[in-house]
Amino acid sequence: MTPDAEKEALNAFKQAVNMTARQITAWLETAESKEVGSKETDGAESVGHRSGKQIVRILGKKAAAHTAADFTHMAKVAAYVKRHLAQRPEGDVTHTRWRYSLMNWGHDPQKKRGV
């Protein structure tokens, strides 16, 4: 990734991820978090749940310590959140698999900015 592409991935990631590392970590411990998302094999951890763990690791790093793999994952997270938000179901989404899936990817659609 070029330096410009890395900067773009980081900015998109910061816009997409609106949960703190602590909030994501606590969320990933819930039953709801573990019940959603696609799994590569039966009983395996979902792709989103695994992504959430990687997001926590990225958030715990200083900017200078980000690796090429981190930037690639940042871009993947931003793309997932953007795509998933476009599929918002009608009505109250508080207790939906849609919201829970997004939260595994570090985005709570019910969270107000700056909170």
C-alpha atoms as a PDB file:
ATOM      1  CA  MET A   1       0.000   0.000   0.000  1.00  0.00           C
ATOM      2  CA  THR A   2       1.286   3.461  -0.819  1.00  0.00           C
ATOM      3  CA  PRO A   3       1.620   6.045   1.961  1.00  0.00           C
ATOM      4  CA  ASP A   4      -1.427   7.860   0.530  1.00  0.00           C
ATOM      5  CA  ALA A   5      -3.431   4.628   0.519  1.00  0.00           C
ATOM      6  CA  GLU A   6      -2.379   3.957   4.122  1.00  0.00           C
ATOM      7  CA  LYS A   7      -3.515   7.433   5.135  1.00  0.00           C
ATOM      8  CA  GLU A   8      -6.830   6.898   3.350  1.00  0.00           C
ATOM      9  CA  ALA A   9      -7.320   3.499   5.040  1.00  0.00           C
ATOM     10  CA  LEU A  10      -6.569   4.997   8.463  1.00  0.00           C
ATOM     11  CA  ASN A  11      -9.001   7.879   7.948  1.00  0.00           C
ATOM     12  CA  ALA A  12     -11.763   5.562   6.693  1.00  0.00           C
ATOM     13  CA  PHE A  13     -11.117   3.226   9.647  1.00  0.00           C
ATOM     14  CA  LYS A  14     -11.398   6.112  12.119  1.00  0.00           C
ATOM     15  CA  GLN A  15     -14.721   7.116  10.557  1.00  0.00           C
ATOM     16  CA  ALA A  16     -16.068   3.545  10.568  1.00  0.00           C
ATOM     17  CA  VAL A  17     -15.011   2.432  14.047  1.00  0.00           C
ATOM     18  CA  ASN A  18     -17.002   4.378  16.622  1.00  0.00           C
ATOM     19  CA  MET A  19     -16.454   2.044  19.582  1.00  0.00           C
ATOM     20  CA  THR A  20     -13.452   2.128  21.899  1.00  0.00           C
ATOM     21  CA  ALA A  21     -11.156  -0.845  22.338  1.00  0.00           C
ATOM     22  CA  ARG A  22     -12.670  -1.365  25.797  1.00  0.00           C
ATOM     23  CA  GLN A  23     -16.235  -1.294  24.410  1.00  0.00           C
ATOM     24  CA  ILE A  24     -15.360  -3.744  21.629  1.00  0.00           C
ATOM     25  CA  THR A  25     -13.609  -6.086  24.055  1.00  0.00           C
ATOM     26  CA  ALA A  26     -16.625  -6.115  26.390  1.00  0.00           C
ATOM     27  CA  TRP A  27     -18.991  -6.624  23.442  1.00  0.00           C
ATOM     28  CA  LEU A  28     -16.986  -9.559  22.085  1.00  0.00           C
ATOM     29  CA  GLU A  29     -17.533 -11.387  25.388  1.00  0.00           C
ATOM     30  CA  THR A  30     -21.334 -11.388  24.988  1.00  0.00           C
ATOM     31  CA  ALA A  31     -23.396 -14.287  23.701  1.00  0.00           C
ATOM     32  CA  GLU A  32     -24.983 -12.000  21.099  1.00  0.00           C
ATOM     33  CA  SER A  33     -21.578 -11.179  19.649  1.00  0.00           C
ATOM     34  CA  LYS A  34     -20.672 -14.832  19.316  1.00  0.00           C
ATOM     35  CA  GLU A  35     -23.993 -15.788  17.686  1.00  0.00           C
ATOM     36  CA  VAL A  36     -23.761 -13.561  14.596  1.00  0.00           C
ATOM     37  CA  GLY A  37     -21.657 -13.560  11.470  1.00  0.00           C
ATOM     38  CA  SER A  38     -20.489 -16.065   8.937  1.00  0.00           C
ATOM     39  CA  LYS A  39     -18.301 -18.901  10.093  1.00  0.00           C
ATOM     40  CA  GLU A  40     -15.798 -20.751   7.955  1.00  0.00           C
ATOM     41  CA  THR A  41     -16.558 -24.039   9.746  1.00  0.00           C
ATOM     42  CA  ASP A  42     -19.185 -25.196  12.234  1.00  0.00           C
ATOM     43  CA  GLY A  43     -18.409 -24.073  15.753  1.00  0.00           C
ATOM     44  CA  ALA A  44     -15.648 -21.748  14.575  1.00  0.00           C
ATOM     45  CA  GLU A  45     -15.318 -18.112  15.492  1.00  0.00           C
ATOM     46  CA  SER A  46     -17.112 -15.849  13.018  1.00  0.00           C
ATOM     47  CA  VAL A  47     -15.177 -13.655  10.625  1.00  0.00           C
ATOM     48  CA  GLY A  48     -16.590 -10.526  12.302  1.00  0.00           C
ATOM     49  CA  HIS A  49     -15.747 -11.721  15.809  1.00  0.00           C
ATOM     50  CA  ARG A  50     -12.169 -12.405  14.741  1.00  0.00           C
ATOM     51  CA  SER A  51     -12.091  -8.988  13.057  1.00  0.00           C
ATOM     52  CA  GLY A  52     -13.203  -7.347  16.294  1.00  0.00           C
ATOM     53  CA  LYS A  53     -10.188  -8.814  18.080  1.00  0.00           C
ATOM     54  CA  GLN A  54      -7.919  -7.513  15.351  1.00  0.00           C
ATOM     55  CA  ILE A  55      -9.523  -4.059  15.593  1.00  0.00           C
ATOM     56  CA  VAL A  56      -8.806  -4.009  19.341  1.00  0.00           C
ATOM     57  CA  ARG A  57      -5.143  -4.812  18.611  1.00  0.00           C
ATOM     58  CA  ILE A  58      -4.971  -2.041  16.004  1.00  0.00           C
ATOM     59  CA  LEU A  59      -6.565   0.485  18.362  1.00  0.00           C
ATOM     60  CA  GLY A  60      -3.980  -0.417  20.986  1.00  0.00           C
ATOM     61  CA  LYS A  61      -1.056   0.495  18.741  1.00  0.00           C
ATOM     62  CA  LYS A  62       0.622   3.815  18.191  1.00  0.00           C
ATOM     63  CA  ALA A  63       0.207   5.082  14.624  1.00  0.00           C
ATOM     64  CA  ALA A  64       3.890   4.540  13.828  1.00  0.00           C
ATOM     65  CA  ALA A  65       3.582   0.859  14.764  1.00  0.00           C
ATOM     66  CA  HIS A  66       0.879   0.018  12.220  1.00  0.00           C
ATOM     67  CA  THR A  67       1.904  -2.707   9.795  1.00  0.00           C
ATOM     68  CA  ALA A  68       0.893  -3.317   6.190  1.00  0.00           C
ATOM     69  CA  ALA A  69      -1.508  -5.988   7.483  1.00  0.00           C
ATOM     70  CA  ASP A  70      -3.051  -3.430   9.844  1.00  0.00           C
ATOM     71  CA  PHE A  71      -3.688  -0.986   7.011  1.00  0.00           C
ATOM     72  CA  THR A  72      -5.185  -3.759   4.893  1.00  0.00           C
ATOM     73  CA  HIS A  73      -7.511  -4.703   7.747  1.00  0.00           C
ATOM     74  CA  MET A  74      -8.436  -1.061   8.344  1.00  0.00           C
ATOM     75  CA  ALA A  75      -9.555  -0.786   4.722  1.00  0.00           C
ATOM     76  CA  LYS A  76     -11.511  -4.046   5.025  1.00  0.00           C
ATOM     77  CA  VAL A  77     -13.279  -2.808   8.179  1.00  0.00           C
ATOM     78  CA  ALA A  78     -14.209   0.514   6.594  1.00  0.00           C
ATOM     79  CA  ALA A  79     -15.587  -1.217   3.487  1.00  0.00           C
ATOM     80  CA  TYR A  80     -17.588  -3.727   5.553  1.00  0.00           C
ATOM     81  CA  VAL A  81     -19.135  -1.030   7.752  1.00  0.00           C
ATOM     82  CA  LYS A  82     -20.051   1.129   4.750  1.00  0.00           C
ATOM     83  CA  ARG A  83     -21.604  -1.826   2.897  1.00  0.00           C
ATOM     84  CA  HIS A  84     -23.477  -3.099   5.962  1.00  0.00           C
ATOM     85  CA  LEU A  85     -24.841   0.329   6.910  1.00  0.00           C
ATOM     86  CA  ALA A  86     -26.382   0.570   3.440  1.00  0.00           C
ATOM     87  CA  GLN A  87     -28.397  -2.579   4.275  1.00  0.00           C
ATOM     88  CA  ARG A  88     -30.043  -1.123   7.395  1.00  0.00           C
ATOM     89  CA  PRO A  89     -33.356  -2.864   8.113  1.00  0.00           C
ATOM     90  CA  GLU A  90     -36.482  -0.872   8.857  1.00  0.00           C
ATOM     91  CA  GLY A  91     -37.685  -0.303  12.384  1.00  0.00           C
ATOM     92  CA  ASP A  92     -35.926  -0.564  15.704  1.00  0.00           C
ATOM     93  CA  VAL A  93     -32.504  -2.151  15.241  1.00  0.00           C
ATOM     94  CA  THR A  94     -31.570  -2.303  18.932  1.00  0.00           C
ATOM     95  CA  HIS A  95     -31.694  -6.096  19.252  1.00  0.00           C
ATOM     96  CA  THR A  96     -30.988  -7.179  15.683  1.00  0.00           C
ATOM     97  CA  ARG A  97     -28.394  -9.435  14.177  1.00  0.00           C
ATOM     98  CA  TRP A  98     -27.632  -6.541  11.790  1.00  0.00           C
ATOM     99  CA  ARG A  99     -26.548  -4.270  14.659  1.00  0.00           C
ATOM    100  CA  TYR A 100     -24.716  -7.049  16.459  1.00  0.00           C
ATOM    101  CA  SER A 101     -22.736  -7.872  13.337  1.00  0.00           C
ATOM    102  CA  LEU A 102     -21.702  -4.245  12.914  1.00  0.00           C
ATOM    103  CA  MET A 103     -20.647  -4.092  16.547  1.00  0.00           C
ATOM    104  CA  ASN A 104     -18.330  -7.065  15.973  1.00  0.00           C
ATOM    105  CA  TRP A 105     -16.662  -4.814  13.374  1.00  0.00           C
ATOM    106  CA  GLY A 106     -16.328  -1.928  15.853  1.00  0.00           C
ATOM    107  CA  HIS A 107     -19.339   0.130  14.780  1.00  0.00           C
ATOM    108  CA  ASP A 108     -22.460   0.632  16.869  1.00  0.00           C
ATOM    109  CA  PRO A 109     -25.072   2.247  14.614  1.00  0.00           C
ATOM    110  CA  GLN A 110     -26.935   3.521  17.674  1.00  0.00           C
ATOM    111  CA  LYS A 111     -23.957   5.293  19.163  1.00  0.00           C
ATOM    112  CA  LYS A 112     -23.874   9.031  18.717  1.00  0.00           C
ATOM    113  CA  ARG A 113     -20.626  10.559  17.493  1.00  0.00           C
ATOM    114  CA  GLY A 114     -18.246  11.672  20.208  1.00  0.00           C
ATOM    115  CA  VAL A 115     -19.795   9.455  22.900  1.00  0.00           C
END
